Amino acid sequence: MEEETIFKKIFDWAFAVGCNIIQNSKCGDEKGRDYLRRLIFEIRAEETPGRFLDKLSETLGEYKTNINILAPVSLLPEIYQTKTKWSGDSFYYLKSSILSGLLNALSTK
């Protein structure tokens, strides 16, 4: 898959996840926005690919299984099943694609 295409797919996935956390969670829109902010704050500080992906999957797993949230979210397999590991610039493109998608979702009404 072409590099530009994978990052667009990752951005689109992150945007959809953010919208689902806000609009389709059991907790409601306002709490959903708070949970999305919490997700953004938690993953943006991670500077290594392993820790970033671990924190992302851990937090999304909590949002999906926590009885008070029940967000209809899923993980994008391409992020975790790449043939080459995320490193250098490709990791920062991955991170910025995900954060941009989540922030855009937070900006929507």
N, C-alpha and C. Protein backbone atom coordinates (compact mmCIF):
# COMPACT_ATOMS: atom_id res chain seq x y z
N MET A 1 0.85 -1.17 0.00
CA MET A 1 0.00 0.00 0.00
C MET A 1 0.89 1.23 0.00
N GLU A 2 0.53 2.20 -0.81
CA GLU A 2 1.30 3.42 -0.92
C GLU A 2 1.32 4.15 0.42
N GLU A 3 2.46 4.74 0.76
CA GLU A 3 2.63 5.36 2.08
C GLU A 3 1.59 6.44 2.36
N GLU A 4 1.32 7.29 1.37
CA GLU A 4 0.35 8.36 1.57
C GLU A 4 -1.05 7.80 1.83
N THR A 5 -1.38 6.71 1.16
CA THR A 5 -2.69 6.09 1.32
C THR A 5 -2.87 5.51 2.72
N ILE A 6 -1.83 4.88 3.26
CA ILE A 6 -1.95 4.29 4.60
C ILE A 6 -2.16 5.38 5.65
N PHE A 7 -1.48 6.51 5.50
CA PHE A 7 -1.66 7.58 6.50
C PHE A 7 -3.03 8.24 6.38
N LYS A 8 -3.58 8.30 5.18
CA LYS A 8 -4.95 8.80 5.02
C LYS A 8 -5.93 7.83 5.67
N LYS A 9 -5.70 6.53 5.47
CA LYS A 9 -6.57 5.52 6.09
C LYS A 9 -6.50 5.62 7.61
N ILE A 10 -5.30 5.83 8.15
CA ILE A 10 -5.12 5.95 9.60
C ILE A 10 -5.83 7.20 10.11
N PHE A 11 -5.70 8.32 9.40
CA PHE A 11 -6.40 9.55 9.79
C PHE A 11 -7.91 9.33 9.79
N ASP A 12 -8.43 8.73 8.73
CA ASP A 12 -9.88 8.49 8.63
C ASP A 12 -10.36 7.58 9.76
N TRP A 13 -9.57 6.56 10.08
CA TRP A 13 -9.92 5.66 11.18
C TRP A 13 -9.96 6.42 12.51
N ALA A 14 -8.92 7.23 12.76
CA ALA A 14 -8.85 7.98 14.02
C ALA A 14 -10.02 8.97 14.12
N PHE A 15 -10.38 9.60 13.02
CA PHE A 15 -11.51 10.52 13.02
C PHE A 15 -12.80 9.78 13.36
N ALA A 16 -13.00 8.61 12.75
CA ALA A 16 -14.20 7.81 13.02
C ALA A 16 -14.24 7.35 14.47
N VAL A 17 -13.09 6.94 15.01
CA VAL A 17 -13.02 6.52 16.42
C VAL A 17 -13.39 7.68 17.32
N GLY A 18 -12.83 8.86 17.06
CA GLY A 18 -13.15 10.03 17.86
C GLY A 18 -14.63 10.37 17.82
N CYS A 19 -15.20 10.33 16.62
CA CYS A 19 -16.65 10.61 16.48
C CYS A 19 -17.48 9.57 17.23
N ASN A 20 -17.08 8.31 17.18
CA ASN A 20 -17.81 7.26 17.90
C ASN A 20 -17.73 7.45 19.41
N ILE A 21 -16.58 7.87 19.90
CA ILE A 21 -16.44 8.11 21.34
C ILE A 21 -17.39 9.23 21.76
N ILE A 22 -17.49 10.26 20.95
CA ILE A 22 -18.35 11.41 21.30
C ILE A 22 -19.83 11.08 21.11
N GLN A 23 -20.18 10.57 19.95
CA GLN A 23 -21.59 10.47 19.56
C GLN A 23 -22.27 9.17 19.94
N ASN A 24 -21.54 8.08 20.02
CA ASN A 24 -22.19 6.77 20.17
C ASN A 24 -21.85 6.04 21.46
N SER A 25 -21.21 6.70 22.39
CA SER A 25 -20.89 6.07 23.67
C SER A 25 -22.08 6.13 24.60
N LYS A 26 -22.14 5.18 25.52
CA LYS A 26 -23.21 5.15 26.51
C LYS A 26 -23.17 6.38 27.41
N CYS A 27 -21.98 6.95 27.60
CA CYS A 27 -21.80 8.05 28.55
C CYS A 27 -22.36 9.38 28.06
N GLY A 28 -22.67 9.52 26.78
CA GLY A 28 -23.21 10.77 26.25
C GLY A 28 -22.15 11.67 25.65
N ASP A 29 -22.62 12.70 24.95
CA ASP A 29 -21.72 13.58 24.20
C ASP A 29 -20.69 14.30 25.06
N GLU A 30 -21.12 14.94 26.14
CA GLU A 30 -20.19 15.73 26.95
C GLU A 30 -19.12 14.86 27.60
N LYS A 31 -19.53 13.75 28.21
CA LYS A 31 -18.54 12.84 28.80
C LYS A 31 -17.68 12.21 27.71
N GLY A 32 -18.29 11.95 26.55
CA GLY A 32 -17.53 11.41 25.41
C GLY A 32 -16.42 12.36 24.99
N ARG A 33 -16.72 13.65 24.96
CA ARG A 33 -15.68 14.65 24.65
C ARG A 33 -14.57 14.63 25.71
N ASP A 34 -14.96 14.49 26.96
CA ASP A 34 -13.95 14.41 28.03
C ASP A 34 -13.07 13.18 27.86
N TYR A 35 -13.67 12.04 27.53
CA TYR A 35 -12.89 10.82 27.32
C TYR A 35 -11.98 10.95 26.10
N LEU A 36 -12.45 11.61 25.05
CA LEU A 36 -11.61 11.81 23.87
C LEU A 36 -10.43 12.71 24.21
N ARG A 37 -10.67 13.75 24.97
CA ARG A 37 -9.56 14.62 25.42
C ARG A 37 -8.54 13.82 26.23
N ARG A 38 -9.04 12.97 27.11
CA ARG A 38 -8.16 12.13 27.93
C ARG A 38 -7.31 11.22 27.05
N LEU A 39 -7.92 10.63 26.03
CA LEU A 39 -7.17 9.78 25.10
C LEU A 39 -6.08 10.57 24.41
N ILE A 40 -6.41 11.75 23.93
CA ILE A 40 -5.41 12.59 23.24
C ILE A 40 -4.26 12.94 24.18
N PHE A 41 -4.57 13.34 25.40
CA PHE A 41 -3.52 13.68 26.37
C PHE A 41 -2.64 12.48 26.70
N GLU A 42 -3.23 11.31 26.80
CA GLU A 42 -2.47 10.12 27.17
C GLU A 42 -1.52 9.67 26.07
N ILE A 43 -1.95 9.71 24.83
CA ILE A 43 -1.09 9.19 23.76
C ILE A 43 -0.11 10.21 23.22
N ARG A 44 -0.41 11.48 23.33
CA ARG A 44 0.49 12.47 22.73
C ARG A 44 1.84 12.54 23.42
N ALA A 45 1.92 12.15 24.67
CA ALA A 45 3.17 12.23 25.42
C ALA A 45 4.12 11.07 25.11
N GLU A 46 3.60 10.02 24.51
CA GLU A 46 4.43 8.84 24.25
C GLU A 46 5.35 9.09 23.05
N GLU A 47 6.63 8.88 23.24
CA GLU A 47 7.63 9.19 22.22
C GLU A 47 8.23 7.96 21.53
N THR A 48 7.85 6.78 21.96
CA THR A 48 8.36 5.58 21.29
C THR A 48 7.19 4.81 20.69
N PRO A 49 7.40 4.17 19.55
CA PRO A 49 6.30 3.46 18.89
C PRO A 49 5.63 2.42 19.77
N GLY A 50 6.40 1.63 20.49
CA GLY A 50 5.82 0.58 21.32
C GLY A 50 4.93 1.13 22.42
N ARG A 51 5.41 2.12 23.11
CA ARG A 51 4.63 2.72 24.20
C ARG A 51 3.40 3.45 23.66
N PHE A 52 3.56 4.12 22.52
CA PHE A 52 2.44 4.83 21.90
C PHE A 52 1.33 3.84 21.53
N LEU A 53 1.68 2.78 20.82
CA LEU A 53 0.69 1.80 20.40
C LEU A 53 0.08 1.06 21.59
N ASP A 54 0.90 0.80 22.60
CA ASP A 54 0.39 0.15 23.80
C ASP A 54 -0.63 1.03 24.52
N LYS A 55 -0.31 2.30 24.69
CA LYS A 55 -1.22 3.23 25.37
C LYS A 55 -2.50 3.42 24.55
N LEU A 56 -2.37 3.49 23.22
CA LEU A 56 -3.54 3.63 22.35
C LEU A 56 -4.46 2.42 22.49
N SER A 57 -3.91 1.22 22.38
CA SER A 57 -4.75 0.02 22.45
C SER A 57 -5.31 -0.18 23.86
N GLU A 58 -4.53 0.13 24.88
CA GLU A 58 -4.99 0.00 26.27
C GLU A 58 -6.17 0.93 26.54
N THR A 59 -6.06 2.18 26.11
CA THR A 59 -7.11 3.16 26.38
C THR A 59 -8.37 2.85 25.57
N LEU A 60 -8.21 2.50 24.29
CA LEU A 60 -9.38 2.15 23.48
C LEU A 60 -10.04 0.88 24.00
N GLY A 61 -9.25 -0.06 24.48
CA GLY A 61 -9.81 -1.27 25.09
C GLY A 61 -10.63 -0.95 26.32
N GLU A 62 -10.13 -0.02 27.12
CA GLU A 62 -10.88 0.40 28.31
C GLU A 62 -12.19 1.06 27.90
N TYR A 63 -12.15 1.93 26.90
CA TYR A 63 -13.35 2.63 26.46
C TYR A 63 -14.39 1.67 25.91
N LYS A 64 -13.96 0.60 25.27
CA LYS A 64 -14.89 -0.36 24.69
C LYS A 64 -15.50 -1.27 25.76
N THR A 65 -14.73 -1.60 26.80
CA THR A 65 -15.19 -2.57 27.79
C THR A 65 -15.72 -1.97 29.09
N ASN A 66 -15.40 -0.71 29.37
CA ASN A 66 -15.87 -0.07 30.60
C ASN A 66 -17.38 0.11 30.51
N ILE A 67 -18.09 -0.42 31.47
CA ILE A 67 -19.56 -0.41 31.45
C ILE A 67 -20.13 1.01 31.49
N ASN A 68 -19.39 1.98 31.99
CA ASN A 68 -19.85 3.36 32.04
C ASN A 68 -19.61 4.12 30.75
N ILE A 69 -18.77 3.58 29.86
CA ILE A 69 -18.44 4.27 28.61
C ILE A 69 -19.05 3.54 27.41
N LEU A 70 -18.67 2.28 27.25
CA LEU A 70 -19.13 1.43 26.15
C LEU A 70 -19.07 2.13 24.79
N ALA A 71 -17.89 2.63 24.44
CA ALA A 71 -17.69 3.28 23.15
C ALA A 71 -17.53 2.21 22.07
N PRO A 72 -18.23 2.36 20.94
CA PRO A 72 -18.11 1.39 19.86
C PRO A 72 -16.86 1.67 19.03
N VAL A 73 -15.70 1.34 19.57
CA VAL A 73 -14.43 1.59 18.90
C VAL A 73 -13.73 0.28 18.57
N SER A 74 -12.83 0.35 17.61
CA SER A 74 -12.03 -0.82 17.24
C SER A 74 -10.64 -0.34 16.86
N LEU A 75 -9.72 -1.26 16.81
CA LEU A 75 -8.35 -0.95 16.42
C LEU A 75 -8.18 -1.21 14.93
N LEU A 76 -7.35 -0.43 14.29
CA LEU A 76 -7.04 -0.62 12.87
C LEU A 76 -5.90 -1.62 12.75
N PRO A 77 -6.15 -2.79 12.14
CA PRO A 77 -5.12 -3.83 12.08
C PRO A 77 -3.83 -3.39 11.40
N GLU A 78 -3.92 -2.52 10.41
CA GLU A 78 -2.71 -2.08 9.69
C GLU A 78 -1.71 -1.39 10.59
N ILE A 79 -2.18 -0.79 11.66
CA ILE A 79 -1.26 -0.10 12.57
C ILE A 79 -0.39 -1.12 13.31
N TYR A 80 -0.97 -2.25 13.64
CA TYR A 80 -0.28 -3.25 14.45
C TYR A 80 0.34 -4.38 13.63
N GLN A 81 -0.07 -4.56 12.39
CA GLN A 81 0.38 -5.69 11.59
C GLN A 81 1.23 -5.25 10.40
N THR A 82 2.04 -4.25 10.57
CA THR A 82 2.89 -3.80 9.46
C THR A 82 4.07 -4.74 9.30
N LYS A 83 4.54 -4.86 8.06
CA LYS A 83 5.70 -5.72 7.80
C LYS A 83 6.98 -5.08 8.34
N THR A 84 7.02 -3.77 8.30
CA THR A 84 8.17 -3.06 8.88
C THR A 84 7.70 -2.36 10.14
N LYS A 85 8.57 -2.24 11.09
CA LYS A 85 8.20 -1.59 12.35
C LYS A 85 8.15 -0.09 12.14
N TRP A 86 7.32 0.56 12.93
CA TRP A 86 7.25 2.02 12.88
C TRP A 86 8.52 2.58 13.51
N SER A 87 9.23 3.40 12.77
CA SER A 87 10.43 4.02 13.32
C SER A 87 10.71 5.32 12.58
N GLY A 88 11.47 6.17 13.22
CA GLY A 88 11.86 7.43 12.60
C GLY A 88 10.67 8.26 12.17
N ASP A 89 10.78 8.81 10.96
CA ASP A 89 9.73 9.69 10.46
C ASP A 89 8.40 8.98 10.29
N SER A 90 8.41 7.71 9.92
CA SER A 90 7.13 7.01 9.72
C SER A 90 6.34 6.93 11.03
N PHE A 91 7.04 6.79 12.15
CA PHE A 91 6.34 6.79 13.44
C PHE A 91 5.71 8.15 13.70
N TYR A 92 6.42 9.23 13.42
CA TYR A 92 5.86 10.56 13.66
C TYR A 92 4.70 10.87 12.71
N TYR A 93 4.76 10.35 11.48
CA TYR A 93 3.61 10.48 10.57
C TYR A 93 2.42 9.70 11.11
N LEU A 94 2.66 8.51 11.63
CA LEU A 94 1.60 7.70 12.24
C LEU A 94 0.97 8.46 13.41
N LYS A 95 1.81 8.93 14.29
CA LYS A 95 1.34 9.63 15.49
C LYS A 95 0.56 10.89 15.11
N SER A 96 1.08 11.67 14.17
CA SER A 96 0.38 12.90 13.79
C SER A 96 -0.92 12.60 13.05
N SER A 97 -0.97 11.52 12.28
CA SER A 97 -2.22 11.14 11.60
C SER A 97 -3.29 10.79 12.63
N ILE A 98 -2.92 10.02 13.63
CA ILE A 98 -3.88 9.62 14.67
C ILE A 98 -4.32 10.83 15.49
N LEU A 99 -3.37 11.62 15.96
CA LEU A 99 -3.73 12.80 16.76
C LEU A 99 -4.56 13.80 15.96
N SER A 100 -4.23 13.99 14.69
CA SER A 100 -5.00 14.91 13.85
C SER A 100 -6.43 14.43 13.66
N GLY A 101 -6.60 13.14 13.43
CA GLY A 101 -7.94 12.59 13.29
C GLY A 101 -8.76 12.75 14.56
N LEU A 102 -8.15 12.47 15.70
CA LEU A 102 -8.85 12.60 16.98
C LEU A 102 -9.19 14.07 17.28
N LEU A 103 -8.25 14.97 17.00
CA LEU A 103 -8.51 16.40 17.25
C LEU A 103 -9.59 16.94 16.32
N ASN A 104 -9.60 16.49 15.07
CA ASN A 104 -10.67 16.92 14.16
C ASN A 104 -12.03 16.43 14.64
N ALA A 105 -12.07 15.21 15.17
CA ALA A 105 -13.32 14.69 15.70
C ALA A 105 -13.77 15.51 16.90
N LEU A 106 -12.84 15.92 17.72
CA LEU A 106 -13.16 16.74 18.89
C LEU A 106 -13.69 18.11 18.46
N SER A 107 -13.29 18.59 17.30
CA SER A 107 -13.72 19.90 16.80
C SER A 107 -15.09 19.86 16.12
N THR A 108 -15.58 18.69 15.80
CA THR A 108 -16.88 18.60 15.12
C THR A 108 -18.01 18.76 16.11
N LYS A 109 -19.17 19.10 15.60
CA LYS A 109 -20.35 19.25 16.46
C LYS A 109 -21.30 18.12 16.21
